[in-house]
Amino acid sequence: MATLRLHNTLTRTKEEFRPLDPTNVRMYVCGPTVYDYAHIGNARPVIVFDVLFRLLRHLYGADHVTYVRNITDVDDKINARAFERWTRKRPLTQEIRALTDGTLAQFHKDVDALGALRPTHEPRATDFVANGAEPTDMVRIIARLIERGHAYEAEGHVLFHVPSMPDYGKLSRRNHDDMIAGARVDVAPYKRDPMDFVLWKPSNPETEPGWESPWGYGRPGWHIECSAMSGALLGETFDIHAGGLDLIFPHHENEIAQTCCAFGVEAMASVWLHNGFLQVEGEKMSKSLGNFVTINELLTTDKFGGRSWPGEVLRLAMLKTHYRQPIDWTVRALEEAEKELRSLYRILAAHPPMPSEPDVEFLGLLSDDLNTHAALTRIRQLAANSANSSSPFAVTSLLKSSGALLGLLQDPKLGEALKEPVGTGSYDPEIIEAFVEARLAARVAKNWAESDRIRDELLAMGIALRDNKDGTTTWDVKR
């Protein structure tokens, strides 16, 4: 079994992953707030942590991995939108469910097109507010926090008292002033400390959804939702908690505080993973700049690049960048991803693969903190090797099974759609160019051993490289 190493935000180091129970590996990822179409930034954690889910299933067995991705379906934006369409013919909570049912269905349709597997569980926050059959619902966790001296009631609100947890801030490592600024806290007069955050707040029954509780008719704060859902489905402590970089503070910091203080445990999760930010064509994505683009628009309209894009093209473009690095979402990146997929599908069509285990080298690269960038380089090497291999079907079998761990090369219909006439000769120029690009990247990183290895591998295939004085590299078929 390949050794899986993950960069733990909590320790700021890359560590060997050791599950609490190898027969029950548990992962929680913060999911969407379903008040509108998901944008391309929302797609990044869906795709990245889908790859991790696939890898964990391969390493530990599909029956031994539990993946929970929650749905936030109670939120001020949702409440406002539901109230606008409310006719009072049913309770407002039912209006909200009807609204979010439609948005959730669209989310599923969009992420299915991206090749993402459905998680094991997809809990909705509204099902875990005051569920009498569930000992870890939000109301009961809040009551336990009050009993343990970590929360208090004030003017219809219940707040977590941050000073009651001495190591609060260990995930984000921010000082007190930075945390106040980053949390954009409401310094209400009933707070004991400016950092105290809301667990429960009162609702106006005429305009806002609510549930009955010991503190009156109200609704939960955002952070308590994930503590309840993860605790109910994964236990008080589990293996991996993941989400976007923007969730480290205050959301994940507050989750840790609630869970650890309510259950009396030292850790909510062993490993914390966070994906980097996404910008569009070099700028922060925003509606004011006119570059806000949803997954659905990319899949079905010509808003981005004057055309729609297959989901697998979007997926490949996303995976070319390591998940912890920022990504620039560009039309050119999509064009290059489609070009590469076209070449790979053409190779699979020429030498139809058989069922196979993934390539060992590929698996090692992917297991190094989900290094999809390096893993894709190995995919290109396998593709190039198939041209001159004495056993091309064996190579394409490795290619397809390795691609499956990335959620790629699994759609025969897409392969047919992307197919183009093959040129003369037994070499695919696009694959060779990909090899050359990988070698140039190695040279820039001064990884001379890797540079030489790629050159020698191409030479064995009959491809000669020429490094030019201007820094470029050209190639030719040996005669």
Protein backbone atom coordinates (compact mmCIF):
# COMPACT_ATOMS: atom_id res chain seq x y z
CA MET A 1 0.00 0.00 0.00
CA ALA A 2 1.27 3.45 -0.90
CA THR A 3 1.99 5.72 2.06
CA LEU A 4 -0.48 8.59 2.10
CA ARG A 5 0.95 11.89 3.32
CA LEU A 6 -1.23 14.97 3.82
CA HIS A 7 -0.44 18.58 4.73
CA ASN A 8 -2.18 19.19 8.04
CA THR A 9 -3.24 22.82 8.49
CA LEU A 10 -3.31 22.25 12.25
CA THR A 11 0.42 21.43 12.44
CA ARG A 12 1.52 23.22 9.23
CA THR A 13 3.44 20.07 8.25
CA LYS A 14 3.02 17.17 5.85
CA GLU A 15 2.34 14.04 7.86
CA GLU A 16 1.83 10.35 7.24
CA PHE A 17 -1.90 9.69 7.38
CA ARG A 18 -2.77 7.19 10.08
CA PRO A 19 -6.52 6.66 10.43
CA LEU A 20 -8.02 6.25 13.88
CA ASP A 21 -9.54 3.01 12.60
CA PRO A 22 -8.33 1.63 9.22
CA THR A 23 -11.61 -0.25 8.87
CA ASN A 24 -13.62 2.96 9.25
CA VAL A 25 -11.85 5.94 7.68
CA ARG A 26 -13.98 9.08 8.15
CA MET A 27 -13.90 12.39 6.27
CA TYR A 28 -16.04 15.53 6.52
CA VAL A 29 -16.08 18.33 3.94
CA CYS A 30 -18.00 21.57 4.29
CA GLY A 31 -20.51 21.64 1.46
CA PRO A 32 -22.56 24.31 -0.28
CA THR A 33 -25.07 26.81 1.02
CA VAL A 34 -27.90 26.10 -1.37
CA TYR A 35 -29.40 29.51 -2.00
CA ASP A 36 -28.16 29.88 -5.60
CA TYR A 37 -26.21 28.16 -8.38
CA ALA A 38 -22.77 26.97 -7.27
CA HIS A 39 -19.91 28.97 -8.78
CA ILE A 40 -16.61 27.62 -10.10
CA GLY A 41 -14.89 28.41 -6.80
CA ASN A 42 -17.35 26.05 -5.10
CA ALA A 43 -16.32 23.37 -7.59
CA ARG A 44 -12.73 23.28 -6.39
CA PRO A 45 -13.28 21.54 -3.02
CA VAL A 46 -15.87 19.27 -4.65
CA ILE A 47 -13.30 18.06 -7.21
CA VAL A 48 -10.22 18.04 -4.98
CA PHE A 49 -11.76 16.14 -2.11
CA ASP A 50 -13.53 13.79 -4.50
CA VAL A 51 -10.02 12.74 -5.57
CA LEU A 52 -9.12 12.18 -1.91
CA PHE A 53 -12.30 10.12 -1.46
CA ARG A 54 -11.35 7.98 -4.46
CA LEU A 55 -7.80 7.54 -3.18
CA LEU A 56 -8.94 6.57 0.32
CA ARG A 57 -11.37 4.03 -1.16
CA HIS A 58 -8.51 2.54 -3.19
CA LEU A 59 -6.14 2.36 -0.21
CA TYR A 60 -8.56 1.15 2.47
CA GLY A 61 -11.44 -0.38 0.51
CA ALA A 62 -14.67 1.27 -0.63
CA ASP A 63 -16.65 -0.24 2.25
CA HIS A 64 -14.26 1.20 4.82
CA VAL A 65 -14.46 4.90 3.96
CA THR A 66 -17.25 7.25 5.02
CA TYR A 67 -17.44 10.64 3.35
CA VAL A 68 -19.82 13.29 4.67
CA ARG A 69 -20.42 16.53 2.78
CA ASN A 70 -23.08 18.69 4.38
CA ILE A 71 -25.73 20.93 2.88
CA THR A 72 -26.36 24.28 4.57
CA ASP A 73 -30.05 24.94 4.02
CA VAL A 74 -30.69 27.46 6.79
CA ASP A 75 -29.00 30.79 6.20
CA ASP A 76 -29.98 34.45 6.17
CA LYS A 77 -29.76 34.65 2.36
CA ILE A 78 -31.93 31.56 2.02
CA ASN A 79 -34.37 32.94 4.58
CA ALA A 80 -34.70 36.24 2.71
CA ARG A 81 -35.23 34.58 -0.65
CA ALA A 82 -37.79 32.14 0.75
CA PHE A 83 -39.67 34.97 2.47
CA GLU A 84 -39.92 36.84 -0.84
CA ARG A 85 -41.78 33.94 -2.43
CA TRP A 86 -43.75 32.88 0.65
CA THR A 87 -47.54 32.90 0.17
CA ARG A 88 -48.28 31.81 3.78
CA LYS A 89 -50.13 28.74 2.52
CA ARG A 90 -47.56 26.60 4.36
CA PRO A 91 -45.02 27.17 7.17
CA LEU A 92 -41.97 29.22 6.24
CA THR A 93 -39.72 26.26 7.05
CA GLN A 94 -41.54 24.28 4.33
CA GLU A 95 -41.08 27.17 1.91
CA ILE A 96 -37.37 27.08 2.63
CA ARG A 97 -37.26 23.32 2.04
CA ALA A 98 -39.00 23.73 -1.32
CA LEU A 99 -36.57 26.47 -2.33
CA THR A 100 -33.48 24.56 -1.29
CA ASP A 101 -34.75 21.29 -2.82
CA GLY A 102 -34.62 22.93 -6.24
CA THR A 103 -31.20 24.50 -5.69
CA LEU A 104 -29.80 21.25 -4.30
CA ALA A 105 -31.08 19.31 -7.32
CA GLN A 106 -29.24 21.75 -9.59
CA PHE A 107 -26.08 21.42 -7.50
CA HIS A 108 -26.22 17.63 -7.86
CA LYS A 109 -26.71 17.88 -11.61
CA ASP A 110 -23.73 20.22 -11.96
CA VAL A 111 -21.27 18.29 -9.78
CA ASP A 112 -22.34 14.99 -11.33
CA ALA A 113 -21.24 16.51 -14.65
CA LEU A 114 -17.85 17.22 -13.06
CA GLY A 115 -17.43 13.49 -12.41
CA ALA A 116 -17.71 13.76 -8.63
CA LEU A 117 -18.87 10.70 -6.73
CA ARG A 118 -21.78 11.23 -4.38
CA PRO A 119 -20.62 11.30 -0.73
CA THR A 120 -21.66 8.52 1.62
CA HIS A 121 -23.90 10.94 3.51
CA GLU A 122 -25.15 14.39 2.53
CA PRO A 123 -26.92 15.72 5.62
CA ARG A 124 -29.04 18.86 5.51
CA ALA A 125 -28.63 21.26 8.41
CA THR A 126 -32.38 21.63 8.94
CA ASP A 127 -32.64 17.90 9.74
CA PHE A 128 -30.22 18.24 12.66
CA VAL A 129 -31.53 21.31 14.49
CA ALA A 130 -33.86 19.66 17.00
CA ASN A 131 -34.13 16.02 16.06
CA GLY A 132 -35.48 14.22 19.11
CA ALA A 133 -34.04 10.91 17.92
CA GLU A 134 -30.55 12.33 17.46
CA PRO A 135 -28.43 12.84 20.63
CA THR A 136 -26.05 15.17 18.80
CA ASP A 137 -28.52 17.61 17.32
CA MET A 138 -27.76 21.33 17.57
CA VAL A 139 -30.10 22.09 20.46
CA ARG A 140 -28.62 19.30 22.60
CA ILE A 141 -25.02 20.29 21.84
CA ILE A 142 -25.79 23.90 22.76
CA ALA A 143 -27.41 22.75 26.02
CA ARG A 144 -24.34 20.68 26.81
CA LEU A 145 -22.06 23.66 26.18
CA ILE A 146 -24.12 25.73 28.64
CA GLU A 147 -23.95 22.94 31.24
CA ARG A 148 -20.18 22.73 30.89
CA GLY A 149 -19.72 26.48 31.32
CA HIS A 150 -18.67 27.19 27.73
CA ALA A 151 -21.83 29.02 26.62
CA TYR A 152 -24.41 31.38 28.07
CA GLU A 153 -27.84 32.78 27.29
CA ALA A 154 -28.31 36.52 26.78
CA GLU A 155 -31.36 38.35 25.44
CA GLY A 156 -32.71 35.35 23.55
CA HIS A 157 -29.30 34.48 22.14
CA VAL A 158 -26.93 31.71 23.18
CA LEU A 159 -23.25 32.50 22.72
CA PHE A 160 -20.07 30.48 22.98
CA HIS A 161 -17.72 32.10 25.48
CA VAL A 162 -14.35 32.04 23.71
CA PRO A 163 -12.17 32.69 26.82
CA SER A 164 -13.53 29.44 28.30
CA MET A 165 -11.33 27.53 25.83
CA PRO A 166 -7.65 28.32 26.55
CA ASP A 167 -6.29 27.02 23.22
CA TYR A 168 -8.89 28.71 21.02
CA GLY A 169 -7.16 29.84 17.82
CA LYS A 170 -4.78 26.89 17.47
CA LEU A 171 -5.94 26.17 13.91
CA SER A 172 -5.72 29.69 12.47
CA ARG A 173 -2.88 30.86 14.76
CA ARG A 174 -4.19 34.42 14.77
CA ASN A 175 -3.75 36.86 17.63
CA HIS A 176 -6.78 38.25 19.45
CA ASP A 177 -7.05 41.49 17.47
CA ASP A 178 -6.68 39.70 14.12
CA MET A 179 -9.38 37.23 15.10
CA ILE A 180 -11.80 40.01 15.96
CA ALA A 181 -11.13 41.68 12.60
CA GLY A 182 -11.28 38.41 10.66
CA ALA A 183 -14.51 37.27 12.25
CA ARG A 184 -16.24 40.62 11.62
CA VAL A 185 -17.90 40.08 14.96
CA ASP A 186 -20.93 41.99 16.10
CA VAL A 187 -19.85 43.65 19.35
CA ALA A 188 -23.29 43.43 20.94
CA PRO A 189 -23.80 44.79 24.47
CA TYR A 190 -24.94 41.41 25.78
CA LYS A 191 -21.63 39.72 24.90
CA ARG A 192 -19.23 38.89 27.73
CA ASP A 193 -16.29 39.05 25.32
CA PRO A 194 -16.06 40.62 21.83
CA MET A 195 -14.96 37.26 20.39
CA ASP A 196 -17.98 35.32 21.68
CA PHE A 197 -19.98 33.92 18.77
CA VAL A 198 -23.61 32.96 18.27
CA LEU A 199 -24.84 29.41 18.75
CA TRP A 200 -28.55 30.26 18.76
CA LYS A 201 -30.48 33.40 17.86
CA PRO A 202 -34.13 34.42 18.10
CA SER A 203 -36.39 34.32 15.03
CA ASN A 204 -39.32 36.52 14.12
CA PRO A 205 -42.09 33.97 13.42
CA GLU A 206 -43.61 36.32 10.86
CA THR A 207 -40.52 36.63 8.67
CA GLU A 208 -37.92 34.03 9.71
CA PRO A 209 -37.80 30.25 10.11
CA GLY A 210 -37.39 28.84 13.58
CA TRP A 211 -37.55 25.91 15.95
CA GLU A 212 -38.68 25.65 19.52
CA SER A 213 -35.84 25.46 22.03
CA PRO A 214 -35.16 25.99 25.74
CA TRP A 215 -34.15 29.56 24.82
CA GLY A 216 -37.24 30.37 22.80
CA TYR A 217 -38.26 30.22 19.17
CA GLY A 218 -35.14 30.65 17.08
CA ARG A 219 -32.58 29.21 14.71
CA PRO A 220 -28.96 28.03 14.94
CA GLY A 221 -25.80 29.93 14.16
CA TRP A 222 -23.76 28.75 11.18
CA HIS A 223 -20.86 27.08 13.00
CA ILE A 224 -22.91 24.78 15.24
CA GLU A 225 -24.43 23.08 12.19
CA CYS A 226 -21.23 21.26 11.20
CA SER A 227 -20.45 20.19 14.78
CA ALA A 228 -23.86 18.52 14.96
CA MET A 229 -23.78 16.84 11.56
CA SER A 230 -20.21 15.57 11.81
CA GLY A 231 -20.76 14.36 15.38
CA ALA A 232 -23.92 12.51 14.43
CA LEU A 233 -22.49 10.78 11.35
CA LEU A 234 -18.77 10.42 12.07
CA GLY A 235 -18.40 10.55 15.84
CA GLU A 236 -16.91 13.01 18.30
CA THR A 237 -13.45 12.69 16.71
CA PHE A 238 -12.78 11.60 13.14
CA ASP A 239 -9.93 11.48 10.64
CA ILE A 240 -10.14 14.32 8.12
CA HIS A 241 -11.95 17.65 8.01
CA ALA A 242 -11.61 19.64 4.80
CA GLY A 243 -12.82 22.75 3.04
CA GLY A 244 -11.72 25.98 1.42
CA LEU A 245 -8.95 28.17 2.79
CA ASP A 246 -11.48 30.86 3.64
CA LEU A 247 -13.13 28.54 6.19
CA ILE A 248 -10.12 28.20 8.49
CA PHE A 249 -11.28 31.23 10.45
CA PRO A 250 -13.77 31.67 11.89
CA HIS A 251 -15.80 28.65 10.75
CA HIS A 252 -13.41 25.78 11.37
CA GLU A 253 -11.90 27.42 14.42
CA ASN A 254 -15.36 27.69 15.94
CA GLU A 255 -16.28 24.14 15.00
CA ILE A 256 -13.26 22.90 16.94
CA ALA A 257 -14.23 24.98 19.96
CA GLN A 258 -17.82 23.73 19.99
CA THR A 259 -17.03 20.07 19.42
CA CYS A 260 -14.09 19.77 21.80
CA CYS A 261 -15.84 21.65 24.60
CA ALA A 262 -19.20 19.89 24.19
CA PHE A 263 -17.81 16.36 23.99
CA GLY A 264 -14.74 16.79 26.18
CA VAL A 265 -12.33 15.62 23.47
CA GLU A 266 -8.88 16.99 22.57
CA ALA A 267 -9.45 17.04 18.81
CA MET A 268 -12.39 17.26 16.46
CA ALA A 269 -10.39 15.85 13.54
CA SER A 270 -6.88 14.48 13.24
CA VAL A 271 -6.10 16.17 9.92
CA TRP A 272 -7.34 19.50 8.54
CA LEU A 273 -7.07 20.10 4.79
CA HIS A 274 -7.74 23.36 2.96
CA ASN A 275 -7.73 24.12 -0.76
CA GLY A 276 -6.42 27.41 -2.14
CA PHE A 277 -8.34 30.30 -3.62
CA LEU A 278 -9.51 30.64 -7.22
CA GLN A 279 -9.42 33.74 -9.39
CA VAL A 280 -10.70 34.24 -12.94
CA GLU A 281 -8.41 35.50 -15.71
CA GLY A 282 -6.06 37.02 -13.14
CA GLU A 283 -8.74 38.78 -11.07
CA LYS A 284 -10.77 37.96 -7.99
CA MET A 285 -14.12 36.57 -9.07
CA SER A 286 -16.99 38.94 -8.29
CA LYS A 287 -20.31 39.97 -9.76
CA SER A 288 -19.22 43.62 -9.81
CA LEU A 289 -16.33 42.77 -12.15
CA GLY A 290 -18.61 40.76 -14.40
CA ASN A 291 -16.41 37.65 -14.12
CA PHE A 292 -18.62 35.67 -11.75
CA VAL A 293 -19.23 32.33 -13.43
CA THR A 294 -21.23 29.35 -12.21
CA ILE A 295 -20.58 25.68 -12.89
CA ASN A 296 -23.84 25.51 -14.79
CA GLU A 297 -22.89 28.44 -17.03
CA LEU A 298 -19.61 26.75 -17.93
CA LEU A 299 -21.43 23.51 -18.74
CA THR A 300 -24.39 24.91 -20.68
CA THR A 301 -23.77 28.44 -21.98
CA ASP A 302 -21.23 30.40 -24.01
CA LYS A 303 -20.53 32.92 -21.22
CA PHE A 304 -16.91 31.80 -20.73
CA GLY A 305 -14.78 31.62 -23.85
CA GLY A 306 -17.73 31.86 -26.22
CA ARG A 307 -18.75 28.21 -25.81
CA SER A 308 -19.80 25.57 -23.27
CA TRP A 309 -17.32 23.05 -21.83
CA PRO A 310 -17.57 19.33 -20.96
CA GLY A 311 -17.43 18.60 -17.24
CA GLU A 312 -14.32 16.46 -17.57
CA VAL A 313 -12.49 19.36 -19.23
CA LEU A 314 -13.35 21.54 -16.23
CA ARG A 315 -12.15 18.79 -13.90
CA LEU A 316 -8.81 18.34 -15.64
CA ALA A 317 -8.19 22.08 -15.74
CA MET A 318 -8.79 22.21 -12.00
CA LEU A 319 -6.51 19.27 -11.19
CA LYS A 320 -3.52 20.65 -13.07
CA THR A 321 -2.83 22.91 -10.08
CA HIS A 322 -1.93 21.46 -6.67
CA TYR A 323 -4.93 21.84 -4.39
CA ARG A 324 -3.16 24.06 -1.85
CA GLN A 325 -1.97 26.55 -4.47
CA PRO A 326 -4.05 29.42 -5.85
CA ILE A 327 -5.52 28.75 -9.28
CA ASP A 328 -6.16 31.14 -12.15
CA TRP A 329 -9.24 30.02 -14.09
CA THR A 330 -8.71 30.95 -17.74
CA VAL A 331 -10.15 30.12 -21.14
CA ARG A 332 -6.68 29.10 -22.27
CA ALA A 333 -6.45 26.55 -19.44
CA LEU A 334 -9.72 25.00 -20.57
CA GLU A 335 -8.58 24.86 -24.17
CA GLU A 336 -5.36 23.12 -23.14
CA ALA A 337 -7.24 20.66 -20.94
CA GLU A 338 -9.60 19.75 -23.77
CA LYS A 339 -6.67 19.30 -26.14
CA GLU A 340 -4.97 16.96 -23.69
CA LEU A 341 -8.10 14.91 -23.07
CA ARG A 342 -8.59 14.55 -26.81
CA SER A 343 -5.10 13.02 -27.11
CA LEU A 344 -5.57 10.69 -24.17
CA TYR A 345 -8.92 9.39 -25.39
CA ARG A 346 -7.43 8.84 -28.83
CA ILE A 347 -4.72 6.66 -27.32
CA LEU A 348 -7.28 4.64 -25.34
CA ALA A 349 -9.31 4.14 -28.50
CA ALA A 350 -6.24 2.87 -30.38
CA HIS A 351 -5.36 0.35 -27.65
CA PRO A 352 -8.53 -0.48 -25.65
CA PRO A 353 -7.54 -1.05 -22.00
CA MET A 354 -8.35 -3.98 -19.75
CA PRO A 355 -9.12 -3.82 -16.00
CA SER A 356 -5.92 -3.09 -14.12
CA GLU A 357 -4.49 -1.76 -10.88
CA PRO A 358 -3.24 1.85 -11.07
CA ASP A 359 0.35 2.54 -12.01
CA VAL A 360 2.61 2.28 -8.94
CA GLU A 361 4.57 5.45 -9.70
CA PHE A 362 1.36 7.38 -10.31
CA LEU A 363 -0.09 6.14 -7.03
CA GLY A 364 3.01 7.25 -5.14
CA LEU A 365 2.81 10.75 -6.61
CA LEU A 366 -0.90 11.13 -5.88
CA SER A 367 -0.38 9.87 -2.34
CA ASP A 368 2.09 12.68 -1.72
CA ASP A 369 -0.43 15.25 -0.46
CA LEU A 370 -2.73 14.78 -3.47
CA ASN A 371 -0.08 16.00 -5.90
CA THR A 372 -2.37 15.92 -8.91
CA HIS A 373 0.06 18.08 -10.89
CA ALA A 374 2.82 15.45 -10.63
CA ALA A 375 0.33 12.60 -11.06
CA LEU A 376 -0.85 14.12 -14.34
CA THR A 377 2.75 14.28 -15.54
CA ARG A 378 2.93 10.53 -14.97
CA ILE A 379 -0.34 10.14 -16.92
CA ARG A 380 1.33 11.91 -19.85
CA GLN A 381 4.36 9.64 -19.56
CA LEU A 382 2.16 6.55 -19.68
CA ALA A 383 0.37 7.97 -22.72
CA ALA A 384 3.68 8.63 -24.46
CA ASN A 385 4.99 5.17 -23.57
CA SER A 386 2.05 3.52 -25.30
CA ALA A 387 3.28 4.71 -28.70
CA ASN A 388 6.35 2.46 -28.76
CA SER A 389 5.55 -0.12 -26.12
CA SER A 390 5.69 -3.77 -27.06
CA SER A 391 2.60 -4.17 -24.87
CA PRO A 392 0.55 -1.02 -25.58
CA PHE A 393 -2.64 -2.54 -24.17
CA ALA A 394 -0.93 -3.07 -20.81
CA VAL A 395 0.19 0.56 -20.78
CA THR A 396 -3.25 1.93 -21.66
CA SER A 397 -4.74 -0.29 -18.96
CA LEU A 398 -2.48 1.42 -16.44
CA LEU A 399 -3.41 4.76 -17.99
CA LYS A 400 -7.15 4.24 -17.60
CA SER A 401 -7.03 2.78 -14.08
CA SER A 402 -4.74 5.58 -12.93
CA GLY A 403 -7.01 8.16 -14.52
CA ALA A 404 -9.93 6.68 -12.60
CA LEU A 405 -8.38 7.83 -9.32
CA LEU A 406 -8.49 11.36 -10.70
CA GLY A 407 -12.01 10.89 -12.02
CA LEU A 408 -10.72 11.21 -15.59
CA LEU A 409 -10.88 9.10 -18.77
CA GLN A 410 -14.05 7.33 -17.68
CA ASP A 411 -16.55 8.75 -20.18
CA PRO A 412 -16.65 6.90 -23.52
CA LYS A 413 -19.21 9.38 -24.87
CA LEU A 414 -16.86 12.28 -24.16
CA GLY A 415 -14.02 10.36 -25.77
CA GLU A 416 -16.12 9.94 -28.89
CA ALA A 417 -17.09 13.61 -28.89
CA LEU A 418 -13.48 14.74 -28.57
CA LYS A 419 -12.14 12.34 -31.17
CA GLU A 420 -10.32 13.91 -34.10
CA PRO A 421 -8.64 12.33 -37.15
CA VAL A 422 -5.23 10.93 -36.29
CA GLY A 423 -2.28 12.30 -38.23
CA THR A 424 0.30 10.18 -39.99
CA GLY A 425 3.06 8.54 -37.97
CA SER A 426 2.99 6.66 -34.69
CA TYR A 427 3.74 9.68 -32.47
CA ASP A 428 1.20 11.99 -30.94
CA PRO A 429 2.73 15.49 -31.00
CA GLU A 430 0.49 16.71 -28.17
CA ILE A 431 1.75 14.01 -25.84
CA ILE A 432 5.38 14.66 -26.78
CA GLU A 433 4.85 18.37 -26.13
CA ALA A 434 3.44 17.52 -22.71
CA PHE A 435 6.61 15.54 -22.01
CA VAL A 436 8.73 18.51 -23.09
CA GLU A 437 6.76 20.85 -20.83
CA ALA A 438 7.29 18.49 -17.88
CA ARG A 439 11.03 18.47 -18.58
CA LEU A 440 11.16 22.27 -18.81
CA ALA A 441 9.38 22.48 -15.46
CA ALA A 442 11.98 20.13 -13.97
CA ARG A 443 14.79 22.29 -15.37
CA VAL A 444 13.25 25.46 -13.95
CA ALA A 445 13.12 23.71 -10.56
CA LYS A 446 16.77 22.62 -11.10
CA ASN A 447 15.68 19.01 -10.77
CA TRP A 448 18.35 17.81 -13.17
CA ALA A 449 17.82 14.12 -12.42
CA GLU A 450 14.17 14.35 -13.49
CA SER A 451 15.13 16.42 -16.54
CA ASP A 452 17.64 13.80 -17.64
CA ARG A 453 15.21 10.96 -16.97
CA ILE A 454 12.54 12.50 -19.21
CA ARG A 455 15.09 13.21 -21.95
CA ASP A 456 16.36 9.61 -21.85
CA GLU A 457 12.81 8.22 -21.86
CA LEU A 458 11.96 10.26 -24.96
CA LEU A 459 15.19 9.17 -26.58
CA ALA A 460 14.29 5.53 -25.98
CA MET A 461 11.02 6.23 -27.77
CA GLY A 462 12.89 7.63 -30.73
CA ILE A 463 12.42 11.32 -29.91
CA ALA A 464 15.51 13.55 -29.86
CA LEU A 465 15.45 16.84 -27.93
CA ARG A 466 17.41 19.99 -28.72
CA ASP A 467 17.85 22.66 -26.00
CA ASN A 468 18.14 26.02 -27.74
CA LYS A 469 20.06 29.10 -26.62
CA ASP A 470 16.86 31.09 -26.17
CA GLY A 471 15.67 28.66 -23.46
CA THR A 472 13.23 26.75 -25.63
CA THR A 473 13.36 23.04 -26.42
CA THR A 474 12.49 21.52 -29.79
CA TRP A 475 12.18 17.88 -30.73
CA ASP A 476 12.32 15.63 -33.75
CA VAL A 477 11.85 11.98 -34.61
CA LYS A 478 15.19 10.21 -35.01
CA ARG A 479 15.75 9.02 -38.57
